């Protein structure tokens, strides 16, 4: 007898016209809404219209990438969100500086 397991896949498109809801961001990262609130508080992600309740916040696609990176740093290295925010900020700065050097024709390894 052969048993075939079926699973479903839910795909959500993220665009400027259809941003990600806070609960969707939390779900995508395997976290709770409170964790997303903490991401906003430490500056890892920016929510649209933070004057509203967190359940109504919306996020652009870049926020998902940053949130997943923060989750990976928590999981793999045991860092807190404050440290994750610093690491992510430093990574962005390194990428920016490398791009500037590359634009000037200076190639770094």
C-alpha atoms as a PDB file:
ATOM      1  CA  UNK A   1       0.000   0.000   0.000  1.00  0.00           C
ATOM      2  CA  UNK A   2       1.301   3.443  -0.937  1.00  0.00           C
ATOM      3  CA  UNK A   3       0.327   6.472   1.104  1.00  0.00           C
ATOM      4  CA  UNK A   4       0.630   9.870  -0.451  1.00  0.00           C
ATOM      5  CA  UNK A   5       0.724  12.793   1.904  1.00  0.00           C
ATOM      6  CA  UNK A   6      -0.738  16.009   0.681  1.00  0.00           C
ATOM      7  CA  UNK A   7       0.108  19.385   1.984  1.00  0.00           C
ATOM      8  CA  UNK A   8      -1.108  22.791   1.079  1.00  0.00           C
ATOM      9  CA  UNK A   9       0.991  25.787   0.302  1.00  0.00           C
ATOM     10  CA  UNK A  10      -0.248  29.294   0.932  1.00  0.00           C
ATOM     11  CA  UNK A  11       1.470  32.022  -1.063  1.00  0.00           C
ATOM     12  CA  UNK A  12       1.081  35.717  -0.338  1.00  0.00           C
ATOM     13  CA  UNK A  13       2.303  38.313  -2.804  1.00  0.00           C
ATOM     14  CA  UNK A  14       3.898  41.345  -1.214  1.00  0.00           C
ATOM     15  CA  UNK A  15       3.959  44.611  -3.107  1.00  0.00           C
ATOM     16  CA  UNK A  16       3.692  48.319  -2.468  1.00  0.00           C
ATOM     17  CA  UNK A  17       0.047  48.047  -3.447  1.00  0.00           C
ATOM     18  CA  UNK A  18      -0.581  45.038  -1.175  1.00  0.00           C
ATOM     19  CA  UNK A  19       1.723  45.184   1.875  1.00  0.00           C
ATOM     20  CA  UNK A  20       2.063  42.422   4.456  1.00  0.00           C
ATOM     21  CA  UNK A  21      -0.130  42.599   7.571  1.00  0.00           C
ATOM     22  CA  UNK A  22       1.559  42.388  10.976  1.00  0.00           C
ATOM     23  CA  UNK A  23       0.054  38.971  11.743  1.00  0.00           C
ATOM     24  CA  UNK A  24       1.242  37.697   8.349  1.00  0.00           C
ATOM     25  CA  UNK A  25       4.766  38.927   9.067  1.00  0.00           C
ATOM     26  CA  UNK A  26       4.671  37.191  12.448  1.00  0.00           C
ATOM     27  CA  UNK A  27       3.393  33.966  10.900  1.00  0.00           C
ATOM     28  CA  UNK A  28       6.023  34.024   8.149  1.00  0.00           C
ATOM     29  CA  UNK A  29       8.714  34.205  10.850  1.00  0.00           C
ATOM     30  CA  UNK A  30       7.125  31.631  13.145  1.00  0.00           C
ATOM     31  CA  UNK A  31       6.531  34.291  15.780  1.00  0.00           C
ATOM     32  CA  UNK A  32       3.788  36.102  17.626  1.00  0.00           C
ATOM     33  CA  UNK A  33       2.499  39.622  16.993  1.00  0.00           C
ATOM     34  CA  UNK A  34       4.314  40.879  20.125  1.00  0.00           C
ATOM     35  CA  UNK A  35       7.624  39.878  18.508  1.00  0.00           C
ATOM     36  CA  UNK A  36       6.774  42.042  15.482  1.00  0.00           C
ATOM     37  CA  UNK A  37       5.993  44.939  17.838  1.00  0.00           C
ATOM     38  CA  UNK A  38       9.454  44.472  19.370  1.00  0.00           C
ATOM     39  CA  UNK A  39      11.016  44.505  15.875  1.00  0.00           C
ATOM     40  CA  UNK A  40       9.437  47.895  15.258  1.00  0.00           C
ATOM     41  CA  UNK A  41      10.472  49.188  18.696  1.00  0.00           C
ATOM     42  CA  UNK A  42      14.164  48.358  18.153  1.00  0.00           C
ATOM     43  CA  UNK A  43      14.128  49.640  14.560  1.00  0.00           C
ATOM     44  CA  UNK A  44      14.658  46.384  12.671  1.00  0.00           C
ATOM     45  CA  UNK A  45      11.536  46.986  10.584  1.00  0.00           C
ATOM     46  CA  UNK A  46       9.332  49.993   9.907  1.00  0.00           C
ATOM     47  CA  UNK A  47       5.577  49.707   9.967  1.00  0.00           C
ATOM     48  CA  UNK A  48       3.245  51.903   8.020  1.00  0.00           C
ATOM     49  CA  UNK A  49       1.074  54.062  10.279  1.00  0.00           C
ATOM     50  CA  UNK A  50       2.375  53.096  13.724  1.00  0.00           C
ATOM     51  CA  UNK A  51      -0.269  55.395  15.198  1.00  0.00           C
ATOM     52  CA  UNK A  52      -2.727  52.553  14.743  1.00  0.00           C
ATOM     53  CA  UNK A  53      -2.910  49.347  16.790  1.00  0.00           C
ATOM     54  CA  UNK A  54      -0.242  46.753  15.838  1.00  0.00           C
ATOM     55  CA  UNK A  55      -2.922  44.486  14.346  1.00  0.00           C
ATOM     56  CA  UNK A  56      -3.446  47.137  11.664  1.00  0.00           C
ATOM     57  CA  UNK A  57       0.217  47.735  10.820  1.00  0.00           C
ATOM     58  CA  UNK A  58       1.383  46.964   7.286  1.00  0.00           C
ATOM     59  CA  UNK A  59       4.899  46.141   6.065  1.00  0.00           C
ATOM     60  CA  UNK A  60       6.697  46.274   2.727  1.00  0.00           C
ATOM     61  CA  UNK A  61       8.630  43.286   1.392  1.00  0.00           C
ATOM     62  CA  UNK A  62      11.985  44.504   2.772  1.00  0.00           C
ATOM     63  CA  UNK A  63      10.552  44.147   6.284  1.00  0.00           C
ATOM     64  CA  UNK A  64      10.056  40.416   5.745  1.00  0.00           C
ATOM     65  CA  UNK A  65      13.712  39.985   4.778  1.00  0.00           C
ATOM     66  CA  UNK A  66      14.879  41.927   7.844  1.00  0.00           C
ATOM     67  CA  UNK A  67      12.503  40.077  10.160  1.00  0.00           C
ATOM     68  CA  UNK A  68      13.691  36.703   8.873  1.00  0.00           C
ATOM     69  CA  UNK A  69      17.314  37.802   9.353  1.00  0.00           C
ATOM     70  CA  UNK A  70      16.536  38.856  12.942  1.00  0.00           C
ATOM     71  CA  UNK A  71      14.866  35.495  13.581  1.00  0.00           C
ATOM     72  CA  UNK A  72      17.915  33.670  12.184  1.00  0.00           C
ATOM     73  CA  UNK A  73      20.265  35.684  14.392  1.00  0.00           C
ATOM     74  CA  UNK A  74      18.124  34.862  17.424  1.00  0.00           C
ATOM     75  CA  UNK A  75      18.009  31.173  16.553  1.00  0.00           C
ATOM     76  CA  UNK A  76      21.574  30.590  15.373  1.00  0.00           C
ATOM     77  CA  UNK A  77      23.484  32.889  17.717  1.00  0.00           C
ATOM     78  CA  UNK A  78      21.131  33.467  20.634  1.00  0.00           C
ATOM     79  CA  UNK A  79      21.242  37.241  20.277  1.00  0.00           C
ATOM     80  CA  UNK A  80      18.518  39.536  21.528  1.00  0.00           C
ATOM     81  CA  UNK A  81      16.644  41.883  19.249  1.00  0.00           C
ATOM     82  CA  UNK A  82      18.757  44.886  20.292  1.00  0.00           C
ATOM     83  CA  UNK A  83      21.898  43.057  19.177  1.00  0.00           C
ATOM     84  CA  UNK A  84      20.154  41.798  16.040  1.00  0.00           C
ATOM     85  CA  UNK A  85      19.217  45.392  15.158  1.00  0.00           C
ATOM     86  CA  UNK A  86      22.851  46.456  15.488  1.00  0.00           C
ATOM     87  CA  UNK A  87      24.109  43.502  13.422  1.00  0.00           C
ATOM     88  CA  UNK A  88      21.568  44.111  10.661  1.00  0.00           C
ATOM     89  CA  UNK A  89      22.411  47.827  10.615  1.00  0.00           C
ATOM     90  CA  UNK A  90      26.130  47.081  10.354  1.00  0.00           C
ATOM     91  CA  UNK A  91      25.515  44.562   7.557  1.00  0.00           C
ATOM     92  CA  UNK A  92      23.556  47.216   5.619  1.00  0.00           C
ATOM     93  CA  UNK A  93      26.350  49.738   6.109  1.00  0.00           C
ATOM     94  CA  UNK A  94      29.008  47.275   4.921  1.00  0.00           C
ATOM     95  CA  UNK A  95      26.941  46.523   1.792  1.00  0.00           C
ATOM     96  CA  UNK A  96      26.484  50.252   1.153  1.00  0.00           C
ATOM     97  CA  UNK A  97      30.192  50.966   1.513  1.00  0.00           C
ATOM     98  CA  UNK A  98      31.139  48.027  -0.711  1.00  0.00           C
ATOM     99  CA  UNK A  99      28.746  49.328  -3.367  1.00  0.00           C
ATOM    100  CA  UNK A 100      30.380  52.761  -3.174  1.00  0.00           C
ATOM    101  CA  UNK A 101      33.844  51.245  -3.531  1.00  0.00           C
ATOM    102  CA  UNK A 102      32.666  49.114  -6.434  1.00  0.00           C
ATOM    103  CA  UNK A 103      31.177  52.183  -8.135  1.00  0.00           C
ATOM    104  CA  UNK A 104      34.571  53.879  -7.822  1.00  0.00           C
ATOM    105  CA  UNK A 105      36.250  50.859  -9.405  1.00  0.00           C
ATOM    106  CA  UNK A 106      37.784  49.599  -6.177  1.00  0.00           C
ATOM    107  CA  UNK A 107      37.082  45.911  -5.715  1.00  0.00           C
ATOM    108  CA  UNK A 108      37.274  44.370  -2.265  1.00  0.00           C
ATOM    109  CA  UNK A 109      37.035  40.726  -1.326  1.00  0.00           C
END
